[in-house]
Protein backbone atom coordinates (compact mmCIF):
# COMPACT_ATOMS: atom_id res chain seq x y z
CA GLU A 1 219.59 28.21 167.16
CA ILE A 2 218.15 29.75 164.14
CA ASN A 3 220.33 28.36 161.55
CA ARG A 4 219.14 24.89 162.68
CA ALA A 5 215.70 25.80 161.43
CA SER A 6 214.47 24.42 158.19
CA PRO A 7 214.16 26.69 155.16
CA LYS A 8 210.29 26.63 155.69
CA THR A 9 210.39 27.90 159.12
CA GLN A 10 213.05 30.72 158.11
CA SER A 11 210.27 31.65 155.75
CA ALA A 12 207.77 31.84 158.36
CA LEU A 13 209.75 33.90 160.39
CA LEU A 14 210.88 35.99 157.67
CA GLU A 15 207.08 36.90 157.06
CA ALA A 16 206.79 37.68 160.56
CA MET A 17 209.60 39.80 160.99
CA GLU A 18 208.94 41.92 157.82
CA GLU A 19 205.21 42.07 157.77
CA ARG A 20 204.61 41.78 161.33
CA GLN A 21 201.96 39.05 160.83
CA VAL A 22 201.81 35.33 160.48
CA SER A 23 199.63 33.17 158.38
CA VAL A 24 198.24 29.84 159.51
CA ASP A 25 196.09 27.58 157.24
CA GLY A 26 195.13 30.73 155.26
CA THR A 27 194.27 32.91 157.91
CA THR A 28 196.40 36.00 158.64
CA TYR A 29 197.07 37.15 162.19
CA VAL A 30 198.50 40.51 163.14
CA LEU A 31 201.29 40.67 165.75
CA GLU A 32 200.92 42.86 168.55
CA THR A 33 203.59 45.49 169.09
CA PRO A 34 206.35 45.46 170.26
CA PHE A 35 207.37 42.52 168.40
CA MET A 36 211.02 41.63 168.40
CA VAL A 37 213.07 38.51 167.43
CA ILE A 38 216.51 37.43 169.30
CA ALA A 39 218.00 34.51 167.97
CA THR A 40 221.21 32.28 168.65
CA GLN A 41 223.52 31.05 165.91
CA ASN A 42 226.56 28.70 166.31
CA PRO A 43 228.85 30.01 163.87
CA ILE A 44 231.33 26.95 163.78
CA GLU A 45 229.21 23.88 163.64
CA MET A 46 227.85 23.59 160.15
CA GLU A 47 226.42 20.06 160.02
CA GLY A 48 222.83 19.78 159.98
CA THR A 49 222.45 23.73 159.87
CA TYR A 50 220.90 26.01 157.26
CA PRO A 51 222.49 29.13 156.45
CA LEU A 52 220.28 32.27 156.65
CA PRO A 53 219.50 33.86 153.48
CA GLU A 54 220.61 37.48 152.70
CA ALA A 55 217.08 38.82 152.84
CA GLN A 56 216.60 37.32 156.27
CA ARG A 57 219.78 38.20 157.72
CA ASP A 58 219.19 42.01 156.49
CA ARG A 59 216.10 41.86 158.80
CA PHE A 60 218.15 41.53 161.91
CA THR A 61 219.14 44.77 163.59
CA ALA A 62 222.41 43.58 164.69
CA ARG A 63 224.78 40.58 165.33
CA VAL A 64 226.90 40.43 168.37
CA SER A 65 229.34 37.73 168.99
CA MET A 66 229.13 36.75 172.88
CA GLY A 67 232.36 35.10 173.09
CA TYR A 68 233.46 33.30 176.23
CA PRO A 69 232.32 34.17 179.49
CA SER A 70 234.94 35.83 181.88
CA PRO A 71 236.45 33.77 184.35
CA ASP A 72 234.62 34.96 187.27
CA ALA A 73 231.28 34.42 185.13
CA GLU A 74 232.34 31.17 184.31
CA LEU A 75 233.07 30.39 187.95
CA GLN A 76 229.61 31.64 189.06
CA MET A 77 228.05 29.17 186.46
CA LEU A 78 229.84 26.17 187.75
CA SER A 79 228.73 26.97 191.22
CA SER A 80 225.24 27.60 190.50
CA HIS A 81 224.00 25.30 187.57
CA GLY A 82 224.54 22.04 190.05
CA SER A 83 222.20 23.31 192.72
CA VAL A 84 219.36 25.58 190.74
CA GLU A 85 217.62 25.67 187.45
CA PRO A 86 218.84 28.99 186.33
CA ILE A 87 215.55 29.56 184.22
CA ASP A 88 213.33 29.13 187.33
CA ASP A 89 214.90 32.17 188.56
CA LEU A 90 214.45 34.59 185.78
CA GLU A 91 212.25 37.60 186.37
CA PRO A 92 210.71 40.29 183.82
CA VAL A 93 212.84 43.40 183.72
CA ALA A 94 210.06 45.24 181.86
CA ASP A 95 206.31 44.69 180.52
CA ALA A 96 205.17 45.38 177.03
CA LEU A 97 203.85 48.98 177.67
CA GLU A 98 207.30 50.16 179.31
CA VAL A 99 209.03 48.74 175.92
CA ARG A 100 206.82 51.02 174.16
CA LYS A 101 207.48 53.92 176.19
CA LEU A 102 211.04 53.41 175.59
CA ILE A 103 210.73 53.18 171.87
CA GLU A 104 208.94 56.15 171.58
CA ILE A 105 211.57 57.91 173.82
CA VAL A 106 214.33 56.82 171.19
CA ARG A 107 212.13 57.65 168.29
CA GLY A 108 212.57 61.51 169.92
CA ILE A 109 216.23 61.21 169.77
CA HIS A 110 217.71 64.05 167.26
CA VAL A 111 219.99 63.07 164.35
CA SER A 112 221.77 65.76 162.65
CA THR A 113 222.08 66.22 158.92
CA GLU A 114 225.64 65.81 159.02
CA VAL A 115 225.17 62.25 160.97
CA LYS A 116 222.78 61.26 158.43
CA GLN A 117 225.14 62.11 155.67
CA TYR A 118 227.72 60.09 157.66
CA VAL A 119 225.76 57.08 157.35
CA VAL A 120 224.87 57.37 153.72
CA ASP A 121 228.56 57.88 152.97
CA LEU A 122 229.29 54.98 154.93
CA LEU A 123 226.60 52.80 153.21
CA GLY A 124 228.07 53.94 149.71
CA ALA A 125 231.80 52.67 151.10
CA THR A 126 230.55 49.13 151.70
CA ARG A 127 228.88 49.25 148.14
CA SER A 128 232.18 50.24 146.53
CA SER A 129 234.58 48.26 148.34
CA PRO A 130 236.55 45.72 146.20
CA ASP A 131 236.38 43.52 149.11
CA LEU A 132 232.72 42.94 149.07
CA ARG A 133 230.13 41.32 146.63
CA LEU A 134 227.18 42.89 148.14
CA GLY A 135 227.21 46.13 150.37
CA ALA A 136 224.84 47.21 152.73
CA SER A 137 221.25 47.78 151.79
CA PRO A 138 218.85 50.89 152.52
CA ARG A 139 217.58 48.94 155.11
CA SER A 140 220.96 48.70 157.04
CA GLY A 141 221.34 52.71 157.17
CA LEU A 142 217.77 52.72 158.82
CA GLN A 143 218.55 50.30 161.47
CA LEU A 144 222.04 52.02 161.96
CA VAL A 145 220.23 55.18 162.59
CA ARG A 146 217.66 53.47 164.94
CA ALA A 147 220.16 51.76 166.66
CA ALA A 148 222.58 55.10 167.44
CA ARG A 149 219.31 56.85 168.37
CA ALA A 150 218.77 54.22 171.11
CA TYR A 151 222.75 54.02 172.11
CA ALA A 152 222.53 57.87 172.45
CA ALA A 153 219.39 57.69 174.86
CA LEU A 154 221.54 54.82 176.86
CA GLU A 155 224.26 57.40 177.19
CA GLY A 156 221.69 59.94 178.76
CA ARG A 157 221.78 62.24 175.63
CA ASP A 158 218.86 63.47 173.37
CA TYR A 159 221.10 63.63 170.17
CA VAL A 160 223.21 61.25 168.26
CA LEU A 161 226.90 61.53 167.62
CA PRO A 162 229.24 59.96 164.91
CA ASP A 163 230.82 58.34 168.01
CA ASP A 164 227.56 56.27 168.49
CA VAL A 165 227.57 55.33 164.73
CA GLN A 166 231.20 54.39 164.80
CA ALA A 167 230.38 52.26 167.99
CA LEU A 168 227.67 50.19 166.29
CA ALA A 169 228.55 50.05 162.73
CA GLY A 170 230.44 46.91 162.99
CA SER A 171 227.31 44.87 164.59
CA VAL A 172 224.88 46.57 162.49
CA LEU A 173 226.38 46.36 159.24
CA ALA A 174 228.86 43.29 159.24
CA HIS A 175 226.20 40.32 159.11
CA ARG A 176 224.53 41.91 156.08
CA LEU A 177 227.86 42.14 153.92
CA LEU A 178 229.27 39.43 151.45
CA PRO A 179 232.79 39.43 150.87
CA THR A 180 234.42 38.42 147.80
CA ALA A 181 236.23 35.19 147.09
CA GLN A 182 239.57 37.13 147.02
CA ALA A 183 238.47 38.68 150.43
CA GLN A 184 237.78 35.09 151.69
CA VAL A 185 241.03 33.70 150.34
CA SER A 186 242.71 36.62 152.31
CA ARG A 187 240.69 35.75 155.40
CA ARG A 188 239.47 39.33 155.35
CA THR A 189 235.97 39.30 157.24
CA PRO A 190 233.17 41.80 156.90
CA GLU A 191 234.11 43.11 160.70
CA ASP A 192 237.53 43.83 159.31
CA VAL A 193 235.94 45.61 156.12
CA VAL A 194 233.76 47.76 157.96
CA ALA A 195 236.58 48.76 160.71
CA GLU A 196 238.76 49.84 157.70
CA LEU A 197 235.85 51.54 156.02
CA LEU A 198 235.16 53.63 159.52
CA GLU A 199 238.86 54.98 159.43
CA ARG A 200 238.76 55.78 155.65
CA THR A 201 235.23 57.74 155.78
CA PRO A 202 235.49 61.23 156.77
CA LEU A 203 232.53 62.82 158.80
CA ALA A 204 230.52 65.28 156.74
CA ALA A 205 231.35 68.68 157.43
CA PRO A 206 228.86 70.94 159.53
CA ALA A 207 226.43 72.91 157.45
CA ALA A 208 227.33 76.61 157.23
CA ALA A 209 225.37 78.85 159.38
CA PRO A 210 223.35 81.81 157.27
CA ARG A 211 224.87 85.01 157.30
CA ARG A 212 223.27 88.31 158.33
CA ARG A 213 222.78 91.16 156.39
C-alpha cells in the first residue's frame, strides 16, 4: 500500500519513476528496462497513511478501482486459501525480453492527427472546468495516448480510435485531477467530471483531402 510509505520513501520512489535511477549513499544506479511500478492504495482508511503528492500521482499511468470480487471468485478464494498458499503457485507469464518486444509493438501503433487533437481538446476541457482546481498535465496526455496505443494493440488493431481514448480517459486522467471545494461539497468526483467532459467534448473533424487539379 503505497500511501502507507513515509514521505521520504515516496520521494525515493518518485526519483525512480521519473529519472529511471536510484541514489544510495551518494551513488547513482541506473535502472534496467523495462521498469514499471504497480502499487495498491486503500481509499477508505486514512489513519497512518500519507496522501501521495500531485507530482507522484501524475507519474502513474492509470488508477483502476478493483472493487469487490464476484461471488464466484470469492467462493473460489474461500475454497483455495485454506489449503494452499497462493503465492507458491504464481508463475511468470512473460520475461523482460518479451515485455520489451511488446513495448516496441505498441510504439508502432498509429495515432491520427484527429485523435491527438481530441486528446488535446479533452485535456483543455479539464483545465477550464469550474469543478476542477487542477486540470490534466501535459504528461497525462502522453500517457493517455500511450495507453490508447496499448488498448488498440490488445484489440488487434494497428491504429487508435477515439473509442480507445474514451474507454481509458477515466482511469488515466481522474487520479491526477483536483476538485474544487464546491465540487467536493456537491460530491462530484474527478471521475464524474471526466465522464461529463467526454460527453461534451466533440471529436476533431477529419482533415480534408487535398483537391486534384
